[in-house]
Amino acid sequence: MTTRPWVLGKFAVSKNKKSNSDEPLAFKLQSTVNLSNINEVCDELKSRVSESEGLIVDLSDLENATTPLAQLLLSAEKTLGDAGHAVEIVNCPEPVREEFARLGLSEKIEQWSAER
């Protein structure tokens, strides 16, 4: 897949070069998603997700799992699920996985990690 990255604040977005792609949107979080930047992340996701068939979120550089990030992922799952698409999580570091577990999202992380 040929991608073009968008870098905005503490995250990057990559998507296929085709404007009407049938591929999932790849979204790489690069640091922390928290109350200080959740609106920026959410706005970027909203503007890109409508062009895709799903969402792949790369958590490899994420330092911690926060409640705002969990809410964003759950909202994306609901929105995309209503359109017949899925959210997938890739490269989730173990400390982040453990933090999601403390938020009560162990099963969700497993589900999102197994989408493909």
C-alpha atoms as a PDB file:
ATOM      1  CA  MET A   1       0.000   0.000   0.000  1.00  0.00           C
ATOM      2  CA  THR A   2       1.414   3.396  -0.988  1.00  0.00           C
ATOM      3  CA  THR A   3       0.811   5.947   1.713  1.00  0.00           C
ATOM      4  CA  ARG A   4       1.130   9.674   2.201  1.00  0.00           C
ATOM      5  CA  PRO A   5       1.673  10.800   5.804  1.00  0.00           C
ATOM      6  CA  TRP A   6       0.054  13.769   7.445  1.00  0.00           C
ATOM      7  CA  VAL A   7       1.791  14.896  10.601  1.00  0.00           C
ATOM      8  CA  LEU A   8      -0.192  17.019  12.986  1.00  0.00           C
ATOM      9  CA  GLY A   9       0.820  17.681  16.546  1.00  0.00           C
ATOM     10  CA  LYS A  10       1.664  14.410  18.221  1.00  0.00           C
ATOM     11  CA  PHE A  11       0.303  12.001  15.640  1.00  0.00           C
ATOM     12  CA  ALA A  12       0.561  11.095  11.987  1.00  0.00           C
ATOM     13  CA  VAL A  13      -1.988   9.856   9.501  1.00  0.00           C
ATOM     14  CA  SER A  14      -1.304   7.794   6.402  1.00  0.00           C
ATOM     15  CA  LYS A  15      -3.799   6.802   3.744  1.00  0.00           C
ATOM     16  CA  ASN A  16      -3.766   5.500   0.238  1.00  0.00           C
ATOM     17  CA  LYS A  17      -3.012   8.045  -2.449  1.00  0.00           C
ATOM     18  CA  LYS A  18      -6.324   7.261  -4.168  1.00  0.00           C
ATOM     19  CA  SER A  19      -8.920   9.760  -2.992  1.00  0.00           C
ATOM     20  CA  ASN A  20     -11.771   7.246  -2.847  1.00  0.00           C
ATOM     21  CA  SER A  21      -9.826   4.414  -1.300  1.00  0.00           C
ATOM     22  CA  ASP A  22     -11.358   1.109  -0.374  1.00  0.00           C
ATOM     23  CA  GLU A  23      -8.492   0.532   2.046  1.00  0.00           C
ATOM     24  CA  PRO A  24      -8.657   1.253   5.766  1.00  0.00           C
ATOM     25  CA  LEU A  25      -7.206   4.527   6.979  1.00  0.00           C
ATOM     26  CA  ALA A  26      -3.896   3.992   8.786  1.00  0.00           C
ATOM     27  CA  PHE A  27      -3.527   6.306  11.755  1.00  0.00           C
ATOM     28  CA  LYS A  28      -0.318   6.271  13.818  1.00  0.00           C
ATOM     29  CA  LEU A  29      -0.365   7.844  17.239  1.00  0.00           C
ATOM     30  CA  GLN A  30       3.102   9.101  18.117  1.00  0.00           C
ATOM     31  CA  SER A  31       2.927  10.006  21.782  1.00  0.00           C
ATOM     32  CA  THR A  32       0.142  10.708  24.236  1.00  0.00           C
ATOM     33  CA  VAL A  33      -3.486  11.368  23.426  1.00  0.00           C
ATOM     34  CA  ASN A  34      -5.002  13.252  26.329  1.00  0.00           C
ATOM     35  CA  LEU A  35      -7.284  16.175  27.122  1.00  0.00           C
ATOM     36  CA  SER A  36      -4.798  18.673  25.687  1.00  0.00           C
ATOM     37  CA  ASN A  37      -4.888  17.221  22.159  1.00  0.00           C
ATOM     38  CA  ILE A  38      -7.924  14.938  21.887  1.00  0.00           C
ATOM     39  CA  ASN A  39      -9.958  17.483  19.913  1.00  0.00           C
ATOM     40  CA  GLU A  40      -7.178  17.859  17.349  1.00  0.00           C
ATOM     41  CA  VAL A  41      -6.851  14.072  16.987  1.00  0.00           C
ATOM     42  CA  CYS A  42     -10.626  13.633  16.761  1.00  0.00           C
ATOM     43  CA  ASP A  43     -11.006  16.359  14.119  1.00  0.00           C
ATOM     44  CA  GLU A  44      -8.256  14.836  11.988  1.00  0.00           C
ATOM     45  CA  LEU A  45      -9.797  11.393  12.267  1.00  0.00           C
ATOM     46  CA  LYS A  46     -13.247  12.674  11.336  1.00  0.00           C
ATOM     47  CA  SER A  47     -11.907  14.457   8.270  1.00  0.00           C
ATOM     48  CA  ARG A  48     -10.095  11.341   7.026  1.00  0.00           C
ATOM     49  CA  VAL A  49     -12.280   8.420   8.083  1.00  0.00           C
ATOM     50  CA  SER A  50     -15.143   9.200   5.704  1.00  0.00           C
ATOM     51  CA  GLU A  51     -12.778   8.456   2.813  1.00  0.00           C
ATOM     52  CA  SER A  52     -11.887   4.981   4.053  1.00  0.00           C
ATOM     53  CA  GLU A  53     -13.326   1.541   4.590  1.00  0.00           C
ATOM     54  CA  GLY A  54     -12.162   1.249   8.169  1.00  0.00           C
ATOM     55  CA  LEU A  55      -9.515   2.405  10.589  1.00  0.00           C
ATOM     56  CA  ILE A  56      -6.159   0.927  11.545  1.00  0.00           C
ATOM     57  CA  VAL A  57      -4.606   2.600  14.588  1.00  0.00           C
ATOM     58  CA  ASP A  58      -0.891   2.002  15.125  1.00  0.00           C
ATOM     59  CA  LEU A  59      -0.071   2.355  18.816  1.00  0.00           C
ATOM     60  CA  SER A  60       3.635   1.491  18.583  1.00  0.00           C
ATOM     61  CA  ASP A  61       4.799   4.937  19.741  1.00  0.00           C
ATOM     62  CA  LEU A  62       2.012   5.536  22.245  1.00  0.00           C
ATOM     63  CA  GLU A  63       3.339   6.096  25.748  1.00  0.00           C
ATOM     64  CA  ASN A  64       0.131   5.541  27.700  1.00  0.00           C
ATOM     65  CA  ALA A  65      -3.546   4.773  27.289  1.00  0.00           C
ATOM     66  CA  THR A  66      -5.820   7.542  28.444  1.00  0.00           C
ATOM     67  CA  THR A  67      -9.552   7.791  28.983  1.00  0.00           C
ATOM     68  CA  PRO A  68      -9.928  10.312  26.110  1.00  0.00           C
ATOM     69  CA  LEU A  69      -8.180   7.894  23.746  1.00  0.00           C
ATOM     70  CA  ALA A  70     -10.397   5.031  24.900  1.00  0.00           C
ATOM     71  CA  GLN A  71     -13.490   7.169  24.310  1.00  0.00           C
ATOM     72  CA  LEU A  72     -12.242   8.128  20.845  1.00  0.00           C
ATOM     73  CA  LEU A  73     -11.633   4.496  19.875  1.00  0.00           C
ATOM     74  CA  LEU A  74     -15.036   3.407  21.182  1.00  0.00           C
ATOM     75  CA  SER A  75     -16.720   6.233  19.276  1.00  0.00           C
ATOM     76  CA  ALA A  76     -14.820   5.356  16.088  1.00  0.00           C
ATOM     77  CA  GLU A  77     -15.863   1.726  16.500  1.00  0.00           C
ATOM     78  CA  LYS A  78     -19.530   2.723  16.811  1.00  0.00           C
ATOM     79  CA  THR A  79     -19.442   5.128  13.861  1.00  0.00           C
ATOM     80  CA  LEU A  80     -17.531   2.784  11.569  1.00  0.00           C
ATOM     81  CA  GLY A  81     -19.500  -0.245  12.738  1.00  0.00           C
ATOM     82  CA  ASP A  82     -22.736   1.467  11.740  1.00  0.00           C
ATOM     83  CA  ALA A  83     -21.251   1.772   8.224  1.00  0.00           C
ATOM     84  CA  GLY A  84     -20.136  -1.870   8.183  1.00  0.00           C
ATOM     85  CA  HIS A  85     -16.449  -1.140   8.789  1.00  0.00           C
ATOM     86  CA  ALA A  86     -14.073  -1.950  11.616  1.00  0.00           C
ATOM     87  CA  VAL A  87     -11.423  -0.492  13.897  1.00  0.00           C
ATOM     88  CA  GLU A  88      -8.147  -2.377  14.116  1.00  0.00           C
ATOM     89  CA  ILE A  89      -5.342  -1.805  16.613  1.00  0.00           C
ATOM     90  CA  VAL A  90      -1.790  -2.756  15.645  1.00  0.00           C
ATOM     91  CA  ASN A  91       1.524  -2.688  17.500  1.00  0.00           C
ATOM     92  CA  CYS A  92       0.030  -2.139  20.945  1.00  0.00           C
ATOM     93  CA  PRO A  93       2.861  -2.070  23.520  1.00  0.00           C
ATOM     94  CA  GLU A  94       2.301  -4.205  26.596  1.00  0.00           C
ATOM     95  CA  PRO A  95       2.263  -1.234  29.035  1.00  0.00           C
ATOM     96  CA  VAL A  96      -0.450   0.415  26.922  1.00  0.00           C
ATOM     97  CA  ARG A  97      -2.382  -2.863  26.800  1.00  0.00           C
ATOM     98  CA  GLU A  98      -2.156  -3.048  30.609  1.00  0.00           C
ATOM     99  CA  GLU A  99      -3.455   0.519  30.947  1.00  0.00           C
ATOM    100  CA  PHE A 100      -6.408  -0.274  28.677  1.00  0.00           C
ATOM    101  CA  ALA A 101      -7.061  -3.297  30.914  1.00  0.00           C
ATOM    102  CA  ARG A 102      -7.192  -0.994  33.959  1.00  0.00           C
ATOM    103  CA  LEU A 103      -9.802   1.030  32.056  1.00  0.00           C
ATOM    104  CA  GLY A 104     -11.846  -2.161  31.630  1.00  0.00           C
ATOM    105  CA  LEU A 105     -11.089  -2.536  27.914  1.00  0.00           C
ATOM    106  CA  SER A 106      -9.094  -5.791  27.799  1.00  0.00           C
ATOM    107  CA  GLU A 107     -11.684  -7.548  25.663  1.00  0.00           C
ATOM    108  CA  LYS A 108     -12.024  -4.560  23.329  1.00  0.00           C
ATOM    109  CA  ILE A 109      -8.269  -4.373  22.756  1.00  0.00           C
ATOM    110  CA  GLU A 110      -8.220  -8.087  21.980  1.00  0.00           C
ATOM    111  CA  GLN A 111     -11.166  -7.684  19.606  1.00  0.00           C
ATOM    112  CA  TRP A 112      -9.620  -4.675  17.855  1.00  0.00           C
ATOM    113  CA  SER A 113      -6.256  -6.466  17.613  1.00  0.00           C
ATOM    114  CA  ALA A 114      -7.878  -9.481  15.954  1.00  0.00           C
ATOM    115  CA  GLU A 115      -9.905  -7.661  13.277  1.00  0.00           C
ATOM    116  CA  ARG A 116      -7.644  -8.705  10.394  1.00  0.00           C
END
